[in-house]
Amino acid sequence: MTIDNLGPEPLEKDFTWETLKNNLLKHKSMPVKVAIMDQKVVSGVGNIYSNEACFNARLDPRKKVNELKDSNFKKLHQGIIKALKEGISHGGSTR
């Protein structure tokens, strides 16, 4: 995968909930947790941070993308940002 194929960086301004929604909807039948780990959807979210993001958003990670409402996409957007910022502040998830 080249850098041109990567999704938006979650801590940058261009990472909006609408961008997340549009990218996730390319994987409608996929569970949310799996879809947000696709680096074309959003870059830098792996297994641990996808779990944390779903927890922060109060979303069942097994829920299918096509079952999400706008309010879920907004909460997931904030959940991803929170998970990454907390990870950074603690020196990463694998210390």
PDB file of N, CA and C in Angstrom:
ATOM      1  N   MET A   1       0.856  -1.176   0.000  1.00  0.00           N
ATOM      2  CA  MET A   1       0.000   0.000   0.000  1.00  0.00           C
ATOM      3  C   MET A   1       0.898   1.233   0.000  1.00  0.00           C
ATOM      4  N   THR A   2       0.588   2.159  -0.868  1.00  0.00           N
ATOM      5  CA  THR A   2       1.349   3.406  -0.902  1.00  0.00           C
ATOM      6  C   THR A   2       0.684   4.435  -0.003  1.00  0.00           C
ATOM      7  N   ILE A   3       1.417   5.454   0.305  1.00  0.00           N
ATOM      8  CA  ILE A   3       0.898   6.507   1.179  1.00  0.00           C
ATOM      9  C   ILE A   3      -0.306   7.215   0.548  1.00  0.00           C
ATOM     10  N   ASP A   4      -0.372   7.211  -0.782  1.00  0.00           N
ATOM     11  CA  ASP A   4      -1.508   7.839  -1.478  1.00  0.00           C
ATOM     12  C   ASP A   4      -2.806   7.072  -1.257  1.00  0.00           C
ATOM     13  N   ASN A   5      -2.711   5.806  -0.888  1.00  0.00           N
ATOM     14  CA  ASN A   5      -3.899   4.971  -0.676  1.00  0.00           C
ATOM     15  C   ASN A   5      -4.416   5.013   0.752  1.00  0.00           C
ATOM     16  N   LEU A   6      -3.694   5.693   1.635  1.00  0.00           N
ATOM     17  CA  LEU A   6      -4.091   5.729   3.035  1.00  0.00           C
ATOM     18  C   LEU A   6      -5.261   6.683   3.260  1.00  0.00           C
ATOM     19  N   GLY A   7      -6.091   6.321   4.215  1.00  0.00           N
ATOM     20  CA  GLY A   7      -7.192   7.191   4.614  1.00  0.00           C
ATOM     21  C   GLY A   7      -6.666   8.369   5.407  1.00  0.00           C
ATOM     22  N   PRO A   8      -7.569   9.227   5.839  1.00  0.00           N
ATOM     23  CA  PRO A   8      -7.150  10.421   6.580  1.00  0.00           C
ATOM     24  C   PRO A   8      -6.515  10.074   7.923  1.00  0.00           C
ATOM     25  N   GLU A   9      -5.627  10.926   8.339  1.00  0.00           N
ATOM     26  CA  GLU A   9      -4.991  10.820   9.654  1.00  0.00           C
ATOM     27  C   GLU A   9      -5.988  11.357  10.674  1.00  0.00           C
ATOM     28  N   PRO A  10      -6.348  10.567  11.678  1.00  0.00           N
ATOM     29  CA  PRO A  10      -7.415  10.945  12.606  1.00  0.00           C
ATOM     30  C   PRO A  10      -7.166  12.203  13.431  1.00  0.00           C
ATOM     31  N   LEU A  11      -5.933  12.618  13.572  1.00  0.00           N
ATOM     32  CA  LEU A  11      -5.665  13.799  14.386  1.00  0.00           C
ATOM     33  C   LEU A  11      -5.451  15.056  13.546  1.00  0.00           C
ATOM     34  N   GLU A  12      -5.757  14.965  12.261  1.00  0.00           N
ATOM     35  CA  GLU A  12      -5.654  16.119  11.358  1.00  0.00           C
ATOM     36  C   GLU A  12      -7.035  16.739  11.130  1.00  0.00           C
ATOM     37  N   LYS A  13      -7.051  17.983  10.681  1.00  0.00           N
ATOM     38  CA  LYS A  13      -8.312  18.724  10.478  1.00  0.00           C
ATOM     39  C   LYS A  13      -9.234  18.086   9.447  1.00  0.00           C
ATOM     40  N   ASP A  14      -8.663  17.436   8.432  1.00  0.00           N
ATOM     41  CA  ASP A  14      -9.508  16.892   7.363  1.00  0.00           C
ATOM     42  C   ASP A  14     -10.207  15.599   7.759  1.00  0.00           C
ATOM     43  N   PHE A  15      -9.992  15.134   8.976  1.00  0.00           N
ATOM     44  CA  PHE A  15     -10.693  13.949   9.476  1.00  0.00           C
ATOM     45  C   PHE A  15     -11.977  14.410  10.161  1.00  0.00           C
ATOM     46  N   THR A  16     -13.059  14.399   9.387  1.00  0.00           N
ATOM     47  CA  THR A  16     -14.358  14.804   9.916  1.00  0.00           C
ATOM     48  C   THR A  16     -15.231  13.562  10.063  1.00  0.00           C
ATOM     49  N   TRP A  17     -16.313  13.697  10.792  1.00  0.00           N
ATOM     50  CA  TRP A  17     -17.205  12.540  10.932  1.00  0.00           C
ATOM     51  C   TRP A  17     -17.819  12.184   9.581  1.00  0.00           C
ATOM     52  N   GLU A  18     -18.017  13.191   8.716  1.00  0.00           N
ATOM     53  CA  GLU A  18     -18.571  12.925   7.389  1.00  0.00           C
ATOM     54  C   GLU A  18     -17.593  12.125   6.528  1.00  0.00           C
ATOM     55  N   THR A  19     -16.306  12.457   6.628  1.00  0.00           N
ATOM     56  CA  THR A  19     -15.285  11.709   5.900  1.00  0.00           C
ATOM     57  C   THR A  19     -15.241  10.266   6.396  1.00  0.00           C
ATOM     58  N   LEU A  20     -15.280  10.105   7.709  1.00  0.00           N
ATOM     59  CA  LEU A  20     -15.302   8.767   8.285  1.00  0.00           C
ATOM     60  C   LEU A  20     -16.515   7.996   7.786  1.00  0.00           C
ATOM     61  N   LYS A  21     -17.673   8.613   7.812  1.00  0.00           N
ATOM     62  CA  LYS A  21     -18.903   7.966   7.351  1.00  0.00           C
ATOM     63  C   LYS A  21     -18.778   7.533   5.893  1.00  0.00           C
ATOM     64  N   ASN A  22     -18.357   8.439   5.036  1.00  0.00           N
ATOM     65  CA  ASN A  22     -18.232   8.119   3.610  1.00  0.00           C
ATOM     66  C   ASN A  22     -17.257   6.967   3.373  1.00  0.00           C
ATOM     67  N   ASN A  23     -16.146   6.970   4.098  1.00  0.00           N
ATOM     68  CA  ASN A  23     -15.164   5.895   3.933  1.00  0.00           C
ATOM     69  C   ASN A  23     -15.688   4.571   4.484  1.00  0.00           C
ATOM     70  N   LEU A  24     -16.352   4.626   5.627  1.00  0.00           N
ATOM     71  CA  LEU A  24     -16.895   3.399   6.209  1.00  0.00           C
ATOM     72  C   LEU A  24     -17.999   2.789   5.348  1.00  0.00           C
ATOM     73  N   LEU A  25     -18.782   3.624   4.712  1.00  0.00           N
ATOM     74  CA  LEU A  25     -19.889   3.117   3.897  1.00  0.00           C
ATOM     75  C   LEU A  25     -19.427   2.342   2.667  1.00  0.00           C
ATOM     76  N   LYS A  26     -18.138   2.334   2.403  1.00  0.00           N
ATOM     77  CA  LYS A  26     -17.588   1.485   1.347  1.00  0.00           C
ATOM     78  C   LYS A  26     -17.515   0.034   1.812  1.00  0.00           C
ATOM     79  N   HIS A  27     -17.757  -0.171   3.109  1.00  0.00           N
ATOM     80  CA  HIS A  27     -17.719  -1.504   3.728  1.00  0.00           C
ATOM     81  C   HIS A  27     -19.024  -1.750   4.484  1.00  0.00           C
ATOM     82  N   LYS A  28     -20.152  -1.548   3.842  1.00  0.00           N
ATOM     83  CA  LYS A  28     -21.466  -1.570   4.489  1.00  0.00           C
ATOM     84  C   LYS A  28     -21.764  -2.828   5.290  1.00  0.00           C
ATOM     85  N   SER A  29     -21.381  -3.980   4.795  1.00  0.00           N
ATOM     86  CA  SER A  29     -21.748  -5.229   5.465  1.00  0.00           C
ATOM     87  C   SER A  29     -20.691  -5.701   6.464  1.00  0.00           C
ATOM     88  N   MET A  30     -19.670  -4.922   6.661  1.00  0.00           N
ATOM     89  CA  MET A  30     -18.569  -5.289   7.542  1.00  0.00           C
ATOM     90  C   MET A  30     -18.832  -4.810   8.971  1.00  0.00           C
ATOM     91  N   PRO A  31     -18.375  -5.543   9.972  1.00  0.00           N
ATOM     92  CA  PRO A  31     -18.469  -5.043  11.348  1.00  0.00           C
ATOM     93  C   PRO A  31     -17.649  -3.754  11.506  1.00  0.00           C
ATOM     94  N   VAL A  32     -18.150  -2.854  12.325  1.00  0.00           N
ATOM     95  CA  VAL A  32     -17.496  -1.556  12.520  1.00  0.00           C
ATOM     96  C   VAL A  32     -16.032  -1.718  12.910  1.00  0.00           C
ATOM     97  N   LYS A  33     -15.752  -2.575  13.859  1.00  0.00           N
ATOM     98  CA  LYS A  33     -14.379  -2.759  14.333  1.00  0.00           C
ATOM     99  C   LYS A  33     -13.431  -3.121  13.199  1.00  0.00           C
ATOM    100  N   VAL A  34     -13.856  -4.027  12.354  1.00  0.00           N
ATOM    101  CA  VAL A  34     -13.020  -4.475  11.236  1.00  0.00           C
ATOM    102  C   VAL A  34     -12.870  -3.355  10.214  1.00  0.00           C
ATOM    103  N   ALA A  35     -13.944  -2.661   9.925  1.00  0.00           N
ATOM    104  CA  ALA A  35     -13.916  -1.603   8.905  1.00  0.00           C
ATOM    105  C   ALA A  35     -12.991  -0.455   9.289  1.00  0.00           C
ATOM    106  N   ILE A  36     -12.976  -0.063  10.567  1.00  0.00           N
ATOM    107  CA  ILE A  36     -12.109   1.067  10.927  1.00  0.00           C
ATOM    108  C   ILE A  36     -10.638   0.684  10.988  1.00  0.00           C
ATOM    109  N   MET A  37     -10.332  -0.616  10.932  1.00  0.00           N
ATOM    110  CA  MET A  37      -8.935  -1.032  10.861  1.00  0.00           C
ATOM    111  C   MET A  37      -8.404  -0.994   9.429  1.00  0.00           C
ATOM    112  N   ASP A  38      -9.290  -0.832   8.443  1.00  0.00           N
ATOM    113  CA  ASP A  38      -8.856  -0.708   7.048  1.00  0.00           C
ATOM    114  C   ASP A  38      -8.136   0.631   6.908  1.00  0.00           C
ATOM    115  N   GLN A  39      -6.881   0.595   6.559  1.00  0.00           N
ATOM    116  CA  GLN A  39      -6.066   1.808   6.484  1.00  0.00           C
ATOM    117  C   GLN A  39      -6.508   2.760   5.370  1.00  0.00           C
ATOM    118  N   LYS A  40      -7.371   2.298   4.473  1.00  0.00           N
ATOM    119  CA  LYS A  40      -7.940   3.184   3.453  1.00  0.00           C
ATOM    120  C   LYS A  40      -9.092   3.993   4.033  1.00  0.00           C
ATOM    121  N   VAL A  41      -9.695   3.503   5.110  1.00  0.00           N
ATOM    122  CA  VAL A  41     -10.801   4.197   5.777  1.00  0.00           C
ATOM    123  C   VAL A  41     -10.246   5.294   6.667  1.00  0.00           C
ATOM    124  N   VAL A  42      -9.331   4.928   7.525  1.00  0.00           N
ATOM    125  CA  VAL A  42      -8.674   5.859   8.444  1.00  0.00           C
ATOM    126  C   VAL A  42      -7.308   5.263   8.769  1.00  0.00           C
ATOM    127  N   SER A  43      -6.278   6.064   8.724  1.00  0.00           N
ATOM    128  CA  SER A  43      -4.941   5.513   8.953  1.00  0.00           C
ATOM    129  C   SER A  43      -4.583   5.502  10.437  1.00  0.00           C
ATOM    130  N   GLY A  44      -3.824   4.496  10.817  1.00  0.00           N
ATOM    131  CA  GLY A  44      -3.292   4.428  12.163  1.00  0.00           C
ATOM    132  C   GLY A  44      -4.151   3.742  13.196  1.00  0.00           C
ATOM    133  N   VAL A  45      -5.284   3.185  12.796  1.00  0.00           N
ATOM    134  CA  VAL A  45      -6.154   2.510  13.753  1.00  0.00           C
ATOM    135  C   VAL A  45      -6.005   1.000  13.555  1.00  0.00           C
ATOM    136  N   GLY A  46      -5.441   0.357  14.563  1.00  0.00           N
ATOM    137  CA  GLY A  46      -5.275  -1.084  14.532  1.00  0.00           C
ATOM    138  C   GLY A  46      -6.236  -1.761  15.491  1.00  0.00           C
ATOM    139  N   ASN A  47      -5.916  -2.974  15.856  1.00  0.00           N
ATOM    140  CA  ASN A  47      -6.795  -3.790  16.676  1.00  0.00           C
ATOM    141  C   ASN A  47      -7.129  -3.150  18.029  1.00  0.00           C
ATOM    142  N   ILE A  48      -6.121  -2.734  18.750  1.00  0.00           N
ATOM    143  CA  ILE A  48      -6.355  -2.181  20.092  1.00  0.00           C
ATOM    144  C   ILE A  48      -7.135  -0.877  20.017  1.00  0.00           C
ATOM    145  N   TYR A  49      -6.716   0.034  19.132  1.00  0.00           N
ATOM    146  CA  TYR A  49      -7.398   1.327  19.050  1.00  0.00           C
ATOM    147  C   TYR A  49      -8.803   1.204  18.477  1.00  0.00           C
ATOM    148  N   SER A  50      -9.042   0.215  17.627  1.00  0.00           N
ATOM    149  CA  SER A  50     -10.408   0.022  17.130  1.00  0.00           C
ATOM    150  C   SER A  50     -11.323  -0.438  18.261  1.00  0.00           C
ATOM    151  N   ASN A  51     -10.814  -1.290  19.142  1.00  0.00           N
ATOM    152  CA  ASN A  51     -11.586  -1.699  20.317  1.00  0.00           C
ATOM    153  C   ASN A  51     -11.885  -0.502  21.209  1.00  0.00           C
ATOM    154  N   GLU A  52     -10.870   0.292  21.485  1.00  0.00           N
ATOM    155  CA  GLU A  52     -11.034   1.467  22.342  1.00  0.00           C
ATOM    156  C   GLU A  52     -12.004   2.472  21.724  1.00  0.00           C
ATOM    157  N   ALA A  53     -11.901   2.675  20.415  1.00  0.00           N
ATOM    158  CA  ALA A  53     -12.785   3.621  19.730  1.00  0.00           C
ATOM    159  C   ALA A  53     -14.239   3.182  19.835  1.00  0.00           C
ATOM    160  N   CYS A  54     -14.493   1.906  19.622  1.00  0.00           N
ATOM    161  CA  CYS A  54     -15.859   1.389  19.739  1.00  0.00           C
ATOM    162  C   CYS A  54     -16.357   1.519  21.176  1.00  0.00           C
ATOM    163  N   PHE A  55     -15.502   1.227  22.140  1.00  0.00           N
ATOM    164  CA  PHE A  55     -15.878   1.371  23.543  1.00  0.00           C
ATOM    165  C   PHE A  55     -16.217   2.827  23.851  1.00  0.00           C
ATOM    166  N   ASN A  56     -15.353   3.748  23.415  1.00  0.00           N
ATOM    167  CA  ASN A  56     -15.584   5.179  23.650  1.00  0.00           C
ATOM    168  C   ASN A  56     -16.898   5.640  23.029  1.00  0.00           C
ATOM    169  N   ALA A  57     -17.237   5.081  21.872  1.00  0.00           N
ATOM    170  CA  ALA A  57     -18.460   5.463  21.157  1.00  0.00           C
ATOM    171  C   ALA A  57     -19.684   4.698  21.650  1.00  0.00           C
ATOM    172  N   ARG A  58     -19.468   3.775  22.571  1.00  0.00           N
ATOM    173  CA  ARG A  58     -20.546   2.923  23.088  1.00  0.00           C
ATOM    174  C   ARG A  58     -21.218   2.138  21.967  1.00  0.00           C
ATOM    175  N   LEU A  59     -20.378   1.622  21.061  1.00  0.00           N
ATOM    176  CA  LEU A  59     -20.853   0.837  19.921  1.00  0.00           C
ATOM    177  C   LEU A  59     -20.402  -0.609  20.063  1.00  0.00           C
ATOM    178  N   ASP A  60     -21.295  -1.527  19.779  1.00  0.00           N
ATOM    179  CA  ASP A  60     -20.917  -2.930  19.706  1.00  0.00           C
ATOM    180  C   ASP A  60     -20.003  -3.078  18.495  1.00  0.00           C
ATOM    181  N   PRO A  61     -18.766  -3.525  18.680  1.00  0.00           N
ATOM    182  CA  PRO A  61     -17.830  -3.621  17.553  1.00  0.00           C
ATOM    183  C   PRO A  61     -18.282  -4.577  16.458  1.00  0.00           C
ATOM    184  N   ARG A  62     -19.241  -5.438  16.769  1.00  0.00           N
ATOM    185  CA  ARG A  62     -19.762  -6.395  15.776  1.00  0.00           C
ATOM    186  C   ARG A  62     -20.876  -5.802  14.926  1.00  0.00           C
ATOM    187  N   LYS A  63     -21.360  -4.620  15.282  1.00  0.00           N
ATOM    188  CA  LYS A  63     -22.447  -3.980  14.539  1.00  0.00           C
ATOM    189  C   LYS A  63     -21.982  -3.678  13.114  1.00  0.00           C
ATOM    190  N   LYS A  64     -22.837  -3.932  12.161  1.00  0.00           N
ATOM    191  CA  LYS A  64     -22.504  -3.692  10.752  1.00  0.00           C
ATOM    192  C   LYS A  64     -22.540  -2.188  10.447  1.00  0.00           C
ATOM    193  N   VAL A  65     -21.660  -1.766   9.569  1.00  0.00           N
ATOM    194  CA  VAL A  65     -21.565  -0.358   9.196  1.00  0.00           C
ATOM    195  C   VAL A  65     -22.906   0.177   8.696  1.00  0.00           C
ATOM    196  N   ASN A  66     -23.628  -0.622   7.907  1.00  0.00           N
ATOM    197  CA  ASN A  66     -24.892  -0.133   7.337  1.00  0.00           C
ATOM    198  C   ASN A  66     -25.997   0.017   8.379  1.00  0.00           C
ATOM    199  N   GLU A  67     -25.759  -0.403   9.613  1.00  0.00           N
ATOM    200  CA  GLU A  67     -26.727  -0.242  10.692  1.00  0.00           C
ATOM    201  C   GLU A  67     -26.508   1.044  11.486  1.00  0.00           C
ATOM    202  N   LEU A  68     -25.438   1.756  11.179  1.00  0.00           N
ATOM    203  CA  LEU A  68     -25.101   2.960  11.937  1.00  0.00           C
ATOM    204  C   LEU A  68     -25.929   4.160  11.491  1.00  0.00           C
ATOM    205  N   LYS A  69     -26.249   5.001  12.444  1.00  0.00           N
ATOM    206  CA  LYS A  69     -26.929   6.272  12.185  1.00  0.00           C
ATOM    207  C   LYS A  69     -25.884   7.375  12.251  1.00  0.00           C
ATOM    208  N   ASP A  70     -26.255   8.569  11.798  1.00  0.00           N
ATOM    209  CA  ASP A  70     -25.305   9.680  11.845  1.00  0.00           C
ATOM    210  C   ASP A  70     -24.768   9.899  13.253  1.00  0.00           C
ATOM    211  N   SER A  71     -25.613   9.746  14.254  1.00  0.00           N
ATOM    212  CA  SER A  71     -25.151   9.940  15.633  1.00  0.00           C
ATOM    213  C   SER A  71     -24.067   8.924  15.995  1.00  0.00           C
ATOM    214  N   ASN A  72     -24.171   7.707  15.468  1.00  0.00           N
ATOM    215  CA  ASN A  72     -23.137   6.693  15.706  1.00  0.00           C
ATOM    216  C   ASN A  72     -21.823   7.065  15.030  1.00  0.00           C
ATOM    217  N   PHE A  73     -21.918   7.556  13.787  1.00  0.00           N
ATOM    218  CA  PHE A  73     -20.697   7.967  13.077  1.00  0.00           C
ATOM    219  C   PHE A  73     -20.016   9.110  13.828  1.00  0.00           C
ATOM    220  N   LYS A  74     -20.797  10.046  14.345  1.00  0.00           N
ATOM    221  CA  LYS A  74     -20.228  11.168  15.107  1.00  0.00           C
ATOM    222  C   LYS A  74     -19.539  10.678  16.368  1.00  0.00           C
ATOM    223  N   LYS A  75     -20.188   9.761  17.092  1.00  0.00           N
ATOM    224  CA  LYS A  75     -19.596   9.219  18.322  1.00  0.00           C
ATOM    225  C   LYS A  75     -18.348   8.392  18.009  1.00  0.00           C
ATOM    226  N   LEU A  76     -18.386   7.637  16.929  1.00  0.00           N
ATOM    227  CA  LEU A  76     -17.224   6.839  16.544  1.00  0.00           C
ATOM    228  C   LEU A  76     -16.057   7.743  16.161  1.00  0.00           C
ATOM    229  N   HIS A  77     -16.343   8.796  15.437  1.00  0.00           N
ATOM    230  CA  HIS A  77     -15.325   9.785  15.069  1.00  0.00           C
ATOM    231  C   HIS A  77     -14.626  10.305  16.319  1.00  0.00           C
ATOM    232  N   GLN A  78     -15.414  10.733  17.292  1.00  0.00           N
ATOM    233  CA  GLN A  78     -14.843  11.241  18.538  1.00  0.00           C
ATOM    234  C   GLN A  78     -14.143  10.127  19.319  1.00  0.00           C
ATOM    235  N   GLY A  79     -14.699   8.912  19.258  1.00  0.00           N
ATOM    236  CA  GLY A  79     -14.098   7.778  19.947  1.00  0.00           C
ATOM    237  C   GLY A  79     -12.723   7.420  19.410  1.00  0.00           C
ATOM    238  N   ILE A  80     -12.546   7.517  18.101  1.00  0.00           N
ATOM    239  CA  ILE A  80     -11.247   7.244  17.480  1.00  0.00           C
ATOM    240  C   ILE A  80     -10.234   8.285  17.945  1.00  0.00           C
ATOM    241  N   ILE A  81     -10.619   9.546  17.881  1.00  0.00           N
ATOM    242  CA  ILE A  81      -9.718  10.625  18.284  1.00  0.00           C
ATOM    243  C   ILE A  81      -9.325  10.463  19.753  1.00  0.00           C
ATOM    244  N   LYS A  82     -10.296  10.198  20.608  1.00  0.00           N
ATOM    245  CA  LYS A  82     -10.031  10.029  22.035  1.00  0.00           C
ATOM    246  C   LYS A  82      -9.081   8.854  22.281  1.00  0.00           C
ATOM    247  N   ALA A  83      -9.339   7.727  21.621  1.00  0.00           N
ATOM    248  CA  ALA A  83      -8.491   6.542  21.812  1.00  0.00           C
ATOM    249  C   ALA A  83      -7.044   6.828  21.417  1.00  0.00           C
ATOM    250  N   LEU A  84      -6.855   7.504  20.300  1.00  0.00           N
ATOM    251  CA  LEU A  84      -5.492   7.802  19.848  1.00  0.00           C
ATOM    252  C   LEU A  84      -4.807   8.822  20.742  1.00  0.00           C
ATOM    253  N   LYS A  85      -5.522   9.859  21.149  1.00  0.00           N
ATOM    254  CA  LYS A  85      -4.920  10.867  22.030  1.00  0.00           C
ATOM    255  C   LYS A  85      -4.541  10.256  23.377  1.00  0.00           C
ATOM    256  N   GLU A  86      -5.401   9.404  23.914  1.00  0.00           N
ATOM    257  CA  GLU A  86      -5.078   8.740  25.181  1.00  0.00           C
ATOM    258  C   GLU A  86      -3.878   7.809  25.015  1.00  0.00           C
ATOM    259  N   GLY A  87      -3.840   7.101  23.895  1.00  0.00           N
ATOM    260  CA  GLY A  87      -2.693   6.234  23.627  1.00  0.00           C
ATOM    261  C   GLY A  87      -1.400   7.007  23.557  1.00  0.00           C
ATOM    262  N   ILE A  88      -1.425   8.128  22.873  1.00  0.00           N
ATOM    263  CA  ILE A  88      -0.233   8.980  22.754  1.00  0.00           C
ATOM    264  C   ILE A  88       0.196   9.504  24.122  1.00  0.00           C
ATOM    265  N   SER A  89      -0.786   9.960  24.905  1.00  0.00           N
ATOM    266  CA  SER A  89      -0.452  10.523  26.218  1.00  0.00           C
ATOM    267  C   SER A  89       0.134   9.482  27.173  1.00  0.00           C
ATOM    268  N   HIS A  90      -0.153   8.209  26.918  1.00  0.00           N
ATOM    269  CA  HIS A  90       0.387   7.139  27.756  1.00  0.00           C
ATOM    270  C   HIS A  90       1.560   6.426  27.100  1.00  0.00           C
ATOM    271  N   GLY A  91       2.070   6.979  26.011  1.00  0.00           N
ATOM    272  CA  GLY A  91       3.240   6.397  25.365  1.00  0.00           C
ATOM    273  C   GLY A  91       2.944   5.197  24.490  1.00  0.00           C
ATOM    274  N   GLY A  92       1.707   5.055  24.041  1.00  0.00           N
ATOM    275  CA  GLY A  92       1.356   3.949  23.151  1.00  0.00           C
ATOM    276  C   GLY A  92       0.646   2.829  23.893  1.00  0.00           C
ATOM    277  N   SER A  93       0.138   1.888  23.134  1.00  0.00           N
ATOM    278  CA  SER A  93      -0.666   0.812  23.724  1.00  0.00           C
ATOM    279  C   SER A  93       0.148  -0.437  24.051  1.00  0.00           C
ATOM    280  N   THR A  94       1.400  -0.510  23.612  1.00  0.00           N
ATOM    281  CA  THR A  94       2.165  -1.744  23.781  1.00  0.00           C
ATOM    282  C   THR A  94       3.372  -1.559  24.685  1.00  0.00           C
ATOM    283  N   ARG A  95       3.289  -0.642  25.608  1.00  0.00           N
ATOM    284  CA  ARG A  95       4.425  -0.385  26.509  1.00  0.00           C
ATOM    285  C   ARG A  95       4.596  -1.482  27.502  1.00  0.00           C
TER     286      ARG A  95
END
